[in-house]
Amino acid sequence: RSRNEICRDILSVWWHCPTPNYETVSHRTLKRLWFAHSVLSTISARKPAYGESPLIFELVREVAEAGKAAARVFCCSALDQATASVTKMTPDVHPYDYDLVVIGGGSGGLAAAKQAAKLGAKVACIDFVKPSPRGSTWGLGGTCVNVGCIPKKLMHQAGILGESFSDAKEYGWHVRNDGHDWNKMVTSIQDHIGSLNFGYRTALRDNGVTYLNAFGSFIDAHTLAATKKNGKIETMTANRILIAVGGRPSYLDVPGAEECCITSDDIFSLPEAPGRTLCVGASYISLETAGFLTALGYDTTVAIRSIPLRGFDTEIAEKIVGYMERHGTKFMRDSQPCAFEQRAGGKIAVKVKNTVFGNEFETEFDTVILAVGRHAVTAGLNLGAAGVRVNPRNGKIPCVDEVTNISHIYAIGDVLDTRQELTPVAIKAGVNLVNRIFAGGSIKMDYDLVPTTVFTPIEYGCIGMSEELAIEAFGDENVEIYQSYFKPLEWAVNHVEHDGVAHREDNACYAKLITNLADDERVVGFHYVGPNAGEVTQGYAVAMKMGAKKSDFDGTVGIHPTVSEEFTILSITKRSGVDATKRGC
């Protein structure tokens, strides 16, 4: 149908629609009005091609009022839908090139850009990856897809499969382990990531988002410079700007760090097997990396300056390190590398200082991976030109509900100060934000009770407070801790030992619920150590968001035999002193 025919149809609906029966009217007419706006907006942007037909352009200016008029006719429930539709149908009136420009093509930025475009906004997304000191770079999708969650989980899975050879033999399979092919694994993983990169670019195009592979920076509060790889600069203006540039790994400020070491930016595309490896840092990134490297058969050591998994439950952090240590990963505690030097033959000499006694020693590795923290990639954005304030200590942006101190400039994801650096958090925050901006939404991101999982060799899932934080918040007398040690049924038939340690240890898994006695035993902390931790933890996150109490867990029938059912039968408290280890089914 021609555009004029559509326009005449909408006009006839507006001026000539008879009063319908409230019970039989459908939303078709409202949907037609909504659709007409999209069509007419396209025509309006191309006036020279279609002329100045009053039939078209009068309707462009008044179609929102038409929707409201139709809503008054339809009344009742239709009014609510019409109001939402009119909000979506009415673009901001402004002199800028775009309604929204997103700086950063990671998970959060892409989700926000696509959602805003779906709501009728004119959107552009600027993304550029500066190569790591080792030269690693990647495509659209940000840290999670390219050098984070996705390749990490796949390499973790590779390690799990290797460890399962022992199980398979005990279950009667005749399997032979001829070792691991690093290059094959890396190629398979990078091929998958490449398909995701392509999919993201296609999704932006399909949603009408303009994509620029360029480095974005502010010229003023509404103007951006997009610097392309060839040095060409394109300027663009936007009514609203969303900063979603994420973070990058930090390097130690010691001699040879950038020249000799790699980071998580490099390990997942490393062309050659890492060999004897040192992971520097006690973060979850360091422990996860050390875990899958050990499982793949590489001699791996972790250098820990102070405590492992800072910010997580201390008891469980020590359980994870203990498990890893018993199963082959070496740990240098109270150790801080203070210099790196490339030696002949490709070895890296590492000078290490003991943080307790101050003595130094030297050792050699084939590969050194730094996992000593991350920093927000705000340097170079020229935020001062836009008046955006940053925390000078970490370069992150303080926000209230993702809004910076400049009301039309927003931030989501790892650049946010004091917020979790997690992909699903950035995605949900971005979608909620653009729904508030372009669809009249009211839902704000809730940063409390966010579930997460650490993919160490024995996985760890948690929601809410650690034991230490709960005691600090509510007092020791008001905190009850229920716990249980157990062994998954799937491990029961494997009694193989390696170096005197059972491959599948008894009571290596752990369940802990932390409750607030002063609030009718509301569950404030959930902690699980064992296989498939992400899958186990995710469902309980819903229960905790709904305010689950210990009685709700007790009243739930478990699925038998599973590890997750353990949370429905927890009865032993830590303060009781009763042995919480499991015997039998």
Protein backbone atom coordinates (compact mmCIF):
# COMPACT_ATOMS: atom_id res chain seq x y z
CA ARG A 1 0.00 0.00 0.00
CA SER A 2 1.14 3.55 -0.69
CA ARG A 3 2.03 5.88 2.15
CA ASN A 4 -0.83 8.21 1.19
CA GLU A 5 -3.27 5.30 1.47
CA ILE A 6 -1.96 4.57 4.95
CA CYS A 7 -2.27 8.26 5.85
CA ARG A 8 -5.86 8.44 4.63
CA ASP A 9 -6.66 5.31 6.61
CA ILE A 10 -5.25 6.81 9.79
CA LEU A 11 -7.11 10.08 9.21
CA SER A 12 -10.37 8.23 8.74
CA VAL A 13 -9.77 6.42 12.01
CA TRP A 14 -9.00 9.70 13.78
CA TRP A 15 -11.96 11.75 12.56
CA HIS A 16 -14.59 9.19 11.59
CA CYS A 17 -14.23 6.25 13.99
CA PRO A 18 -17.64 5.54 15.52
CA THR A 19 -17.84 5.01 19.26
CA PRO A 20 -17.12 1.27 19.70
CA ASN A 21 -18.49 -1.17 22.18
CA TYR A 22 -15.99 -1.15 25.06
CA GLU A 23 -16.13 -4.94 25.42
CA THR A 24 -15.52 -5.81 21.76
CA VAL A 25 -12.99 -3.19 20.64
CA SER A 26 -9.54 -4.53 19.81
CA HIS A 27 -6.25 -2.63 19.94
CA ARG A 28 -5.85 -2.84 16.16
CA THR A 29 -6.64 0.82 15.62
CA LEU A 30 -4.13 1.92 18.22
CA LYS A 31 -1.51 -0.33 16.65
CA ARG A 32 -2.23 1.24 13.27
CA LEU A 33 -1.67 4.70 14.72
CA TRP A 34 1.57 3.54 16.27
CA PHE A 35 2.74 1.99 13.01
CA ALA A 36 1.73 5.06 11.03
CA HIS A 37 4.02 7.20 13.14
CA SER A 38 7.00 5.04 12.22
CA VAL A 39 6.13 5.29 8.53
CA LEU A 40 5.54 9.02 8.67
CA SER A 41 8.72 9.66 10.61
CA THR A 42 10.61 7.97 7.79
CA ILE A 43 8.83 10.17 5.24
CA SER A 44 9.51 13.28 7.30
CA ALA A 45 13.22 12.53 7.26
CA ARG A 46 13.10 12.42 3.45
CA LYS A 47 11.01 15.50 2.55
CA PRO A 48 12.84 16.19 -0.72
CA ALA A 49 11.89 12.75 -2.03
CA TYR A 50 8.22 12.94 -1.14
CA GLY A 51 7.36 16.62 -1.35
CA GLU A 52 5.43 18.71 1.14
CA SER A 53 2.04 17.01 1.13
CA PRO A 54 -0.09 18.58 3.90
CA LEU A 55 -1.85 15.25 4.19
CA ILE A 56 1.41 13.71 5.36
CA PHE A 57 3.06 16.39 7.42
CA GLU A 58 0.06 17.70 9.30
CA LEU A 59 -0.43 14.15 10.52
CA VAL A 60 3.22 13.87 11.52
CA ARG A 61 2.74 16.75 13.92
CA GLU A 62 -0.55 15.58 15.30
CA VAL A 63 -0.48 11.82 15.30
CA ALA A 64 0.30 11.70 19.03
CA GLU A 65 -2.80 13.72 19.77
CA ALA A 66 -4.68 11.36 17.48
CA GLY A 67 -3.60 8.46 19.65
CA LYS A 68 -4.83 10.27 22.74
CA ALA A 69 -8.14 11.06 21.08
CA ALA A 70 -8.55 7.44 20.09
CA ALA A 71 -7.75 6.45 23.64
CA ARG A 72 -10.51 8.69 24.94
CA VAL A 73 -12.90 6.91 22.60
CA PHE A 74 -11.70 3.46 23.56
CA CYS A 75 -11.51 4.33 27.28
CA CYS A 76 -10.64 1.96 30.15
CA SER A 77 -7.73 -0.46 29.59
CA ALA A 78 -7.10 0.88 26.12
CA LEU A 79 -6.24 4.27 27.63
CA ASP A 80 -3.23 2.83 29.44
CA GLN A 81 -1.92 1.19 26.30
CA ALA A 82 -2.53 4.30 24.25
CA THR A 83 -0.65 6.46 26.73
CA ALA A 84 2.35 4.15 26.55
CA SER A 85 2.08 4.07 22.78
CA VAL A 86 1.95 7.86 22.52
CA THR A 87 5.08 8.10 24.68
CA LYS A 88 6.85 5.74 22.31
CA MET A 89 5.44 7.54 19.28
CA THR A 90 6.52 11.02 20.32
CA PRO A 91 10.23 11.62 19.67
CA ASP A 92 12.15 14.34 21.43
CA VAL A 93 12.05 17.57 19.44
CA HIS A 94 15.66 18.70 19.16
CA PRO A 95 18.17 19.97 16.60
CA TYR A 96 20.66 17.08 17.00
CA ASP A 97 21.66 14.27 14.63
CA TYR A 98 20.51 11.49 16.96
CA ASP A 99 18.10 10.93 19.78
CA LEU A 100 20.72 8.74 21.47
CA VAL A 101 24.37 7.92 20.89
CA VAL A 102 25.85 5.00 22.79
CA ILE A 103 29.61 5.05 23.33
CA GLY A 104 30.67 1.43 23.69
CA GLY A 105 29.61 -1.75 21.94
CA GLY A 106 29.68 -4.16 24.84
CA SER A 107 26.73 -6.15 26.13
CA GLY A 108 25.14 -3.25 28.01
CA GLY A 109 25.65 -0.69 25.26
CA LEU A 110 24.32 -2.97 22.54
CA ALA A 111 21.25 -3.91 24.58
CA ALA A 112 20.48 -0.25 25.27
CA ALA A 113 21.02 0.80 21.65
CA LYS A 114 18.76 -1.91 20.24
CA GLN A 115 16.01 -1.29 22.80
CA ALA A 116 16.05 2.46 22.18
CA ALA A 117 15.78 1.88 18.41
CA LYS A 118 12.86 -0.49 18.94
CA LEU A 119 11.11 2.31 20.81
CA GLY A 120 11.43 4.64 17.81
CA ALA A 121 14.59 6.55 18.71
CA LYS A 122 17.23 7.40 16.16
CA VAL A 123 20.34 5.72 17.59
CA ALA A 124 24.03 5.42 16.84
CA CYS A 125 26.56 3.15 18.53
CA ILE A 126 30.28 3.97 18.55
CA ASP A 127 32.72 1.21 19.44
CA PHE A 128 36.48 0.84 19.16
CA VAL A 129 38.95 -1.59 20.70
CA LYS A 130 42.46 -0.32 21.36
CA PRO A 131 44.94 -3.20 21.04
CA SER A 132 46.43 -4.60 24.22
CA PRO A 133 50.18 -4.11 24.76
CA ARG A 134 50.57 -7.61 23.30
CA GLY A 135 48.55 -6.52 20.24
CA SER A 136 45.31 -8.39 20.91
CA THR A 137 42.13 -6.88 19.55
CA TRP A 138 38.62 -8.13 18.82
CA GLY A 139 35.26 -7.38 17.28
CA LEU A 140 31.95 -5.95 18.39
CA GLY A 141 30.50 -7.27 21.63
CA GLY A 142 32.76 -5.99 24.41
CA THR A 143 34.69 -7.81 27.12
CA CYS A 144 32.15 -10.52 27.97
CA VAL A 145 31.83 -11.92 24.48
CA ASN A 146 35.42 -11.53 23.33
CA VAL A 147 37.78 -11.73 26.31
CA GLY A 148 35.58 -12.48 29.30
CA CYS A 149 32.58 -14.57 30.24
CA ILE A 150 32.15 -16.49 26.98
CA PRO A 151 35.69 -17.73 26.26
CA LYS A 152 36.33 -18.17 30.01
CA LYS A 153 33.31 -20.45 30.40
CA LEU A 154 34.28 -22.42 27.30
CA MET A 155 37.84 -22.98 28.51
CA HIS A 156 36.46 -23.87 31.93
CA GLN A 157 34.26 -26.43 30.19
CA ALA A 158 37.30 -27.81 28.38
CA GLY A 159 38.92 -28.35 31.76
CA ILE A 160 35.82 -30.03 33.17
CA LEU A 161 35.73 -32.43 30.23
CA GLY A 162 39.35 -33.37 30.84
CA GLU A 163 38.66 -34.07 34.50
CA SER A 164 35.66 -36.19 33.50
CA PHE A 165 37.86 -38.81 31.82
CA SER A 166 38.43 -40.30 35.25
CA ASP A 167 34.67 -40.46 35.89
CA ALA A 168 33.98 -41.99 32.48
CA LYS A 169 36.37 -44.88 33.13
CA GLU A 170 34.69 -45.68 36.43
CA TYR A 171 31.34 -45.70 34.65
CA GLY A 172 32.64 -48.34 32.24
CA TRP A 173 33.72 -46.25 29.26
CA HIS A 174 36.92 -47.27 27.49
CA VAL A 175 38.47 -43.85 26.97
CA ARG A 176 42.01 -42.80 26.21
CA ASN A 177 43.44 -39.42 27.12
CA ASP A 178 46.03 -38.39 24.54
CA GLY A 179 46.42 -34.92 26.02
CA HIS A 180 45.00 -31.55 25.09
CA ASP A 181 45.33 -29.60 21.82
CA TRP A 182 45.51 -25.92 22.80
CA ASN A 183 45.41 -24.62 19.23
CA LYS A 184 42.32 -26.65 18.40
CA MET A 185 40.50 -25.31 21.45
CA VAL A 186 41.47 -21.68 20.76
CA THR A 187 40.45 -21.95 17.10
CA SER A 188 37.05 -23.42 17.98
CA ILE A 189 36.38 -20.79 20.61
CA GLN A 190 37.50 -17.89 18.39
CA ASP A 191 35.33 -19.18 15.55
CA HIS A 192 32.34 -19.10 17.87
CA ILE A 193 33.19 -15.60 19.05
CA GLY A 194 33.51 -14.47 15.45
CA SER A 195 29.99 -15.67 14.76
CA LEU A 196 28.75 -13.68 17.75
CA ASN A 197 30.54 -10.54 16.51
CA PHE A 198 28.81 -10.90 13.16
CA GLY A 199 25.47 -11.48 14.85
CA TYR A 200 25.77 -8.27 16.87
CA ARG A 201 26.52 -6.18 13.80
CA THR A 202 23.57 -7.75 12.01
CA ALA A 203 21.29 -7.07 14.99
CA LEU A 204 22.26 -3.39 15.03
CA ARG A 205 21.56 -3.11 11.32
CA ASP A 206 18.24 -4.93 11.59
CA ASN A 207 17.15 -2.59 14.38
CA GLY A 208 18.15 0.51 12.46
CA VAL A 209 21.08 1.45 14.70
CA THR A 210 23.93 3.30 13.00
CA TYR A 211 27.22 1.58 13.89
CA LEU A 212 30.61 3.27 13.74
CA ASN A 213 33.85 1.41 14.39
CA ALA A 214 35.50 4.48 15.89
CA PHE A 215 36.79 5.87 19.18
CA GLY A 216 34.24 8.23 20.68
CA SER A 217 35.10 11.31 22.72
CA PHE A 218 33.27 14.45 23.80
CA ILE A 219 33.67 17.83 22.15
CA ASP A 220 30.91 19.32 24.28
CA ALA A 221 27.88 18.04 26.18
CA HIS A 222 25.97 17.25 22.98
CA THR A 223 28.77 16.75 20.42
CA LEU A 224 31.01 13.75 19.92
CA ALA A 225 34.10 13.11 17.84
CA ALA A 226 34.31 9.62 16.35
CA THR A 227 37.91 8.89 15.42
CA LYS A 228 38.30 6.00 13.00
CA LYS A 229 41.27 3.67 12.67
CA ASN A 230 42.62 5.63 9.70
CA GLY A 231 42.57 8.84 11.75
CA LYS A 232 39.53 10.34 10.04
CA ILE A 233 37.26 12.15 12.50
CA GLU A 234 33.50 12.30 12.14
CA THR A 235 31.50 14.57 14.40
CA MET A 236 27.95 13.89 15.48
CA THR A 237 25.47 15.45 17.83
CA ALA A 238 22.99 13.77 20.14
CA ASN A 239 20.18 14.80 22.41
CA ARG A 240 21.18 12.08 24.87
CA ILE A 241 24.45 10.18 25.29
CA LEU A 242 25.06 6.88 27.04
CA ILE A 243 28.57 5.95 28.20
CA ALA A 244 29.07 2.18 28.19
CA VAL A 245 32.78 1.79 27.49
CA GLY A 246 33.47 -0.88 30.13
CA GLY A 247 36.89 -1.64 31.56
CA ARG A 248 40.26 -3.16 30.72
CA PRO A 249 42.83 -5.11 32.76
CA SER A 250 45.36 -3.16 34.80
CA TYR A 251 49.10 -3.77 34.75
CA LEU A 252 51.48 -3.79 37.68
CA ASP A 253 53.61 -0.66 37.88
CA VAL A 254 56.88 -2.60 37.93
CA PRO A 255 59.70 -3.08 35.42
CA GLY A 256 58.85 -5.36 32.51
CA ALA A 257 55.15 -5.75 33.27
CA GLU A 258 53.76 -4.61 29.92
CA GLU A 259 56.67 -6.03 27.93
CA CYS A 260 56.67 -9.52 29.46
CA CYS A 261 53.15 -10.19 30.75
CA ILE A 262 49.75 -10.79 29.22
CA THR A 263 46.24 -10.37 30.67
CA SER A 264 42.75 -11.72 30.10
CA ASP A 265 42.79 -9.58 26.94
CA ASP A 266 45.27 -12.05 25.46
CA ILE A 267 44.96 -15.52 27.00
CA PHE A 268 41.83 -16.60 25.13
CA SER A 269 43.40 -16.02 21.71
CA LEU A 270 46.95 -17.04 22.64
CA PRO A 271 48.27 -18.84 19.55
CA GLU A 272 50.64 -21.16 21.44
CA ALA A 273 50.07 -23.23 24.57
CA PRO A 274 51.04 -21.21 27.66
CA GLY A 275 53.31 -23.83 29.23
CA ARG A 276 54.42 -23.20 32.81
CA THR A 277 52.26 -20.28 33.88
CA LEU A 278 52.14 -17.74 36.69
CA CYS A 279 48.79 -16.06 37.42
CA VAL A 280 49.36 -12.88 39.40
CA GLY A 281 46.46 -11.84 41.63
CA ALA A 282 43.83 -13.39 43.86
CA SER A 283 40.79 -12.14 41.95
CA TYR A 284 38.17 -14.45 40.51
CA ILE A 285 39.72 -13.86 37.07
CA SER A 286 43.07 -15.10 38.31
CA LEU A 287 41.65 -18.15 40.07
CA GLU A 288 39.37 -19.07 37.18
CA THR A 289 42.25 -18.84 34.72
CA ALA A 290 44.59 -20.84 36.95
CA GLY A 291 41.85 -23.43 37.41
CA PHE A 292 41.22 -24.18 33.76
CA LEU A 293 44.95 -24.08 32.91
CA THR A 294 45.65 -26.67 35.63
CA ALA A 295 42.77 -28.83 34.37
CA LEU A 296 44.17 -28.62 30.84
CA GLY A 297 47.46 -30.01 32.10
CA TYR A 298 49.67 -26.93 32.47
CA ASP A 299 51.92 -26.36 35.48
CA THR A 300 50.20 -23.34 37.03
CA THR A 301 51.04 -21.15 40.02
CA VAL A 302 49.04 -18.31 41.58
CA ALA A 303 50.80 -15.42 43.34
CA ILE A 304 48.58 -14.00 46.12
CA ARG A 305 49.55 -10.77 47.85
CA SER A 306 46.94 -10.89 50.61
CA ILE A 307 43.52 -12.61 50.61
CA PRO A 308 41.79 -14.52 47.79
CA LEU A 309 38.47 -13.43 46.30
CA ARG A 310 38.26 -10.15 48.19
CA GLY A 311 34.64 -9.12 48.67
CA PHE A 312 33.32 -12.68 48.63
CA ASP A 313 32.61 -14.87 51.65
CA THR A 314 36.01 -15.41 53.29
CA GLU A 315 35.32 -18.96 54.48
CA ILE A 316 34.30 -20.07 51.02
CA ALA A 317 37.21 -18.29 49.34
CA GLU A 318 39.58 -20.35 51.48
CA LYS A 319 37.67 -23.53 50.64
CA ILE A 320 38.10 -22.84 46.92
CA VAL A 321 41.83 -22.13 47.25
CA GLY A 322 42.26 -25.26 49.37
CA TYR A 323 40.45 -27.40 46.80
CA MET A 324 42.51 -25.97 43.94
CA GLU A 325 45.73 -26.52 45.88
CA ARG A 326 44.88 -30.15 46.58
CA HIS A 327 44.07 -30.71 42.92
CA GLY A 328 47.26 -29.41 41.39
CA THR A 329 47.33 -25.59 41.35
CA LYS A 330 50.28 -24.13 43.26
CA PHE A 331 49.98 -21.01 45.40
CA MET A 332 52.62 -18.49 46.45
CA ARG A 333 51.00 -16.70 49.37
CA ASP A 334 52.09 -13.27 50.63
CA SER A 335 53.91 -12.82 47.34
CA GLN A 336 54.14 -9.76 45.10
CA PRO A 337 56.08 -9.80 41.80
CA CYS A 338 58.29 -6.70 41.63
CA ALA A 339 60.05 -7.15 38.26
CA PHE A 340 59.84 -9.15 35.04
CA GLU A 341 62.58 -9.83 32.51
CA GLN A 342 62.52 -11.68 29.22
CA ARG A 343 65.23 -14.34 29.08
CA ALA A 344 66.77 -16.22 26.16
CA GLY A 345 64.61 -19.08 24.98
CA GLY A 346 61.41 -17.23 25.76
CA LYS A 347 61.40 -17.74 29.52
CA ILE A 348 60.27 -14.92 31.79
CA ALA A 349 62.27 -14.28 34.94
CA VAL A 350 60.05 -13.09 37.78
CA LYS A 351 61.44 -11.40 40.87
CA VAL A 352 59.03 -11.94 43.76
CA LYS A 353 58.93 -10.15 47.11
CA ASN A 354 57.43 -11.72 50.22
CA THR A 355 55.01 -9.16 51.64
CA VAL A 356 55.42 -10.39 55.22
CA PHE A 357 59.18 -10.79 55.62
CA GLY A 358 60.40 -8.59 52.77
CA ASN A 359 62.81 -11.13 51.27
CA GLU A 360 63.04 -11.54 47.50
CA PHE A 361 63.55 -14.56 45.27
CA GLU A 362 63.53 -15.26 41.54
CA THR A 363 61.75 -17.91 39.48
CA GLU A 364 60.99 -18.54 35.80
CA PHE A 365 57.81 -19.13 33.81
CA ASP A 366 56.81 -19.51 30.17
CA THR A 367 53.79 -17.25 30.55
CA VAL A 368 52.81 -14.64 33.14
CA ILE A 369 49.17 -13.56 33.31
CA LEU A 370 48.32 -10.42 35.28
CA ALA A 371 44.90 -10.39 36.93
CA VAL A 372 45.42 -7.60 39.44
CA GLY A 373 42.28 -5.59 38.81
CA ARG A 374 40.56 -3.62 36.08
CA HIS A 375 40.10 0.07 35.34
CA ALA A 376 37.28 1.95 33.67
CA VAL A 377 38.10 3.04 30.12
CA THR A 378 37.15 6.67 30.67
CA ALA A 379 40.56 8.17 29.89
CA GLY A 380 40.44 9.75 26.46
CA LEU A 381 36.68 10.32 26.49
CA ASN A 382 37.31 13.98 27.32
CA LEU A 383 34.50 13.89 29.87
CA GLY A 384 35.54 17.28 31.19
CA ALA A 385 34.42 18.89 27.94
CA ALA A 386 30.90 17.67 28.70
CA GLY A 387 31.10 18.55 32.39
CA VAL A 388 30.78 14.91 33.50
CA ARG A 389 32.31 14.26 36.90
CA VAL A 390 34.42 11.16 37.58
CA ASN A 391 35.86 9.60 40.69
CA PRO A 392 39.53 10.66 40.51
CA ARG A 393 40.67 7.53 42.38
CA ASN A 394 39.40 5.01 39.82
CA GLY A 395 38.17 6.97 36.81
CA LYS A 396 34.64 5.66 37.29
CA ILE A 397 31.51 7.75 36.95
CA PRO A 398 29.25 8.39 39.96
CA CYS A 399 25.60 8.15 38.94
CA VAL A 400 22.12 8.11 40.43
CA ASP A 401 19.94 5.64 38.55
CA GLU A 402 22.54 5.62 35.75
CA VAL A 403 22.26 9.41 35.34
CA THR A 404 25.49 11.40 35.62
CA ASN A 405 25.70 14.92 36.99
CA ILE A 406 24.74 16.05 33.45
CA SER A 407 21.07 15.16 33.12
CA HIS A 408 21.15 14.00 29.48
CA ILE A 409 24.35 11.95 29.82
CA TYR A 410 24.12 8.46 31.28
CA ALA A 411 26.42 5.59 32.19
CA ILE A 412 25.98 1.85 32.63
CA GLY A 413 28.16 -1.18 33.25
CA ASP A 414 31.73 -1.30 34.47
CA VAL A 415 32.22 2.48 34.30
CA LEU A 416 29.67 3.01 37.08
CA ASP A 417 31.18 3.78 40.45
CA THR A 418 30.34 1.37 43.31
CA ARG A 419 28.34 -1.01 41.10
CA GLN A 420 28.88 -4.65 40.17
CA GLU A 421 31.03 -5.32 37.10
CA LEU A 422 28.76 -7.99 35.65
CA THR A 423 27.39 -8.35 32.13
CA PRO A 424 23.75 -9.09 33.06
CA VAL A 425 23.76 -6.06 35.37
CA ALA A 426 24.86 -3.79 32.52
CA ILE A 427 22.27 -5.28 30.14
CA LYS A 428 19.36 -4.91 32.53
CA ALA A 429 20.41 -1.43 33.61
CA GLY A 430 20.69 -0.33 29.98
CA VAL A 431 17.32 -1.70 28.95
CA ASN A 432 15.58 -0.25 32.01
CA LEU A 433 17.20 3.12 31.37
CA VAL A 434 16.09 3.48 27.75
CA ASN A 435 12.62 2.26 28.69
CA ARG A 436 12.41 5.14 31.16
CA ILE A 437 13.75 7.62 28.62
CA PHE A 438 11.79 6.62 25.51
CA ALA A 439 8.79 4.63 26.76
CA GLY A 440 7.78 6.37 29.96
CA GLY A 441 8.88 3.36 32.02
CA SER A 442 9.36 3.53 35.76
CA ILE A 443 11.46 0.44 36.52
CA LYS A 444 14.90 1.23 37.88
CA MET A 445 17.85 -1.12 38.17
CA ASP A 446 17.98 -2.91 41.51
CA TYR A 447 21.61 -3.58 42.36
CA ASP A 448 20.79 -5.60 45.49
CA LEU A 449 20.72 -9.42 45.63
CA VAL A 450 22.47 -9.81 42.29
CA PRO A 451 23.51 -13.46 41.81
CA THR A 452 26.93 -14.37 40.49
CA THR A 453 29.12 -17.41 39.96
CA VAL A 454 32.87 -17.90 40.10
CA PHE A 455 33.89 -20.60 37.60
CA THR A 456 36.81 -22.06 39.50
CA PRO A 457 37.45 -25.84 39.25
CA ILE A 458 34.91 -26.30 42.02
CA GLU A 459 32.38 -23.62 41.18
CA TYR A 460 30.96 -21.05 43.60
CA GLY A 461 27.57 -19.36 43.33
CA CYS A 462 26.33 -16.69 45.69
CA ILE A 463 23.52 -14.21 46.28
CA GLY A 464 23.42 -11.45 48.85
CA MET A 465 25.60 -11.05 51.91
CA SER A 466 28.74 -12.82 52.95
CA GLU A 467 28.89 -14.13 56.49
CA GLU A 468 31.16 -11.24 57.52
CA LEU A 469 28.87 -8.59 56.03
CA ALA A 470 25.73 -10.09 57.60
CA ILE A 471 27.32 -10.08 61.06
CA GLU A 472 28.48 -6.50 60.54
CA ALA A 473 25.01 -5.41 59.39
CA PHE A 474 22.77 -7.28 61.86
CA GLY A 475 25.02 -8.32 64.73
CA ASP A 476 26.31 -11.79 65.52
CA GLU A 477 23.36 -12.53 67.79
CA ASN A 478 20.89 -11.94 64.94
CA VAL A 479 22.65 -14.03 62.28
CA GLU A 480 21.93 -17.73 61.92
CA ILE A 481 24.01 -19.79 59.51
CA TYR A 482 22.80 -23.13 58.18
CA GLN A 483 25.40 -25.32 56.50
CA SER A 484 26.03 -28.71 54.98
CA TYR A 485 28.99 -30.50 53.39
CA PHE A 486 28.16 -33.15 50.82
CA LYS A 487 29.26 -35.12 47.76
CA PRO A 488 27.21 -35.15 44.54
CA LEU A 489 25.78 -38.52 43.60
CA GLU A 490 27.51 -38.33 40.20
CA TRP A 491 30.88 -38.41 41.98
CA ALA A 492 30.06 -41.42 44.14
CA VAL A 493 31.45 -44.20 41.90
CA ASN A 494 34.84 -42.59 41.26
CA HIS A 495 37.38 -43.58 43.91
CA VAL A 496 40.51 -42.78 41.91
CA GLU A 497 43.26 -40.86 43.68
CA HIS A 498 45.97 -38.58 42.30
CA ASP A 499 49.02 -37.99 44.49
CA GLY A 500 47.07 -39.30 47.46
CA VAL A 501 44.09 -37.00 46.91
CA ALA A 502 40.73 -38.40 45.83
CA HIS A 503 39.76 -37.11 42.41
CA ARG A 504 36.19 -36.78 43.72
CA GLU A 505 36.55 -35.88 47.39
CA ASP A 506 33.96 -36.65 50.04
CA ASN A 507 32.18 -33.56 51.36
CA ALA A 508 34.02 -31.20 49.00
CA CYS A 509 30.77 -29.40 48.17
CA TYR A 510 29.17 -26.93 50.51
CA ALA A 511 25.80 -25.25 51.04
CA LYS A 512 25.30 -22.23 53.31
CA LEU A 513 22.25 -20.10 54.04
CA ILE A 514 22.58 -16.94 56.12
CA THR A 515 19.40 -15.71 57.82
CA ASN A 516 18.40 -12.66 59.83
CA LEU A 517 16.77 -13.81 63.07
CA ALA A 518 15.41 -10.33 63.72
CA ASP A 519 13.42 -10.49 60.46
CA ASP A 520 11.70 -13.87 60.86
CA GLU A 521 14.77 -15.61 59.43
CA ARG A 522 14.71 -13.88 56.08
CA VAL A 523 17.51 -15.31 53.94
CA VAL A 524 20.12 -12.60 53.39
CA GLY A 525 22.94 -14.76 52.02
CA PHE A 526 23.04 -17.80 49.75
CA HIS A 527 26.29 -19.65 49.07
CA TYR A 528 26.90 -22.84 47.11
CA VAL A 529 30.18 -24.58 46.27
CA GLY A 530 29.94 -27.46 43.82
CA PRO A 531 29.26 -28.44 40.21
CA ASN A 532 26.90 -26.40 38.01
CA ALA A 533 26.89 -23.52 40.47
CA GLY A 534 25.45 -21.02 38.01
CA GLU A 535 22.48 -23.25 37.22
CA VAL A 536 21.84 -23.97 40.90
CA THR A 537 22.14 -20.34 42.02
CA GLN A 538 20.03 -18.66 39.34
CA GLY A 539 16.69 -20.07 40.47
CA TYR A 540 17.24 -19.18 44.11
CA ALA A 541 17.92 -15.59 43.07
CA VAL A 542 14.23 -15.25 42.19
CA ALA A 543 13.21 -16.55 45.61
CA MET A 544 15.53 -14.15 47.40
CA LYS A 545 14.33 -11.18 45.32
CA MET A 546 10.85 -12.09 46.54
CA GLY A 547 12.02 -11.99 50.16
CA ALA A 548 12.28 -15.72 50.86
CA LYS A 549 12.62 -16.82 54.46
CA LYS A 550 14.16 -19.99 55.84
CA SER A 551 10.65 -21.38 56.29
CA ASP A 552 10.07 -20.97 52.52
CA PHE A 553 13.15 -23.06 51.80
CA ASP A 554 12.04 -25.64 54.38
CA GLY A 555 8.56 -25.80 52.88
CA THR A 556 9.85 -26.47 49.38
CA VAL A 557 10.05 -30.07 48.18
CA GLY A 558 13.47 -30.84 46.75
CA ILE A 559 14.17 -32.71 43.52
CA HIS A 560 15.93 -35.96 44.32
CA PRO A 561 18.72 -36.78 43.74
CA THR A 562 20.22 -33.35 43.04
CA VAL A 563 22.73 -31.09 44.74
CA SER A 564 20.22 -28.24 44.77
CA GLU A 565 17.81 -30.10 47.05
CA GLU A 566 20.36 -29.65 49.83
CA PHE A 567 19.00 -26.13 50.36
CA THR A 568 15.53 -27.48 51.13
CA ILE A 569 16.75 -29.72 53.97
CA LEU A 570 19.37 -27.60 55.75
CA SER A 571 18.97 -28.02 59.50
CA ILE A 572 22.41 -27.80 61.13
CA THR A 573 23.48 -24.37 62.28
CA LYS A 574 27.07 -23.28 62.58
CA ARG A 575 26.61 -22.04 66.14
CA SER A 576 25.36 -25.50 67.20
CA GLY A 577 28.79 -27.02 66.65
CA VAL A 578 27.21 -30.16 65.17
CA ASP A 579 29.19 -31.88 62.41
CA ALA A 580 27.66 -30.78 59.10
CA THR A 581 29.34 -33.35 56.88
CA LYS A 582 27.11 -35.71 54.95
CA ARG A 583 27.03 -39.50 55.14
CA GLY A 584 24.83 -41.45 52.78
CA CYS A 585 22.15 -40.23 50.41
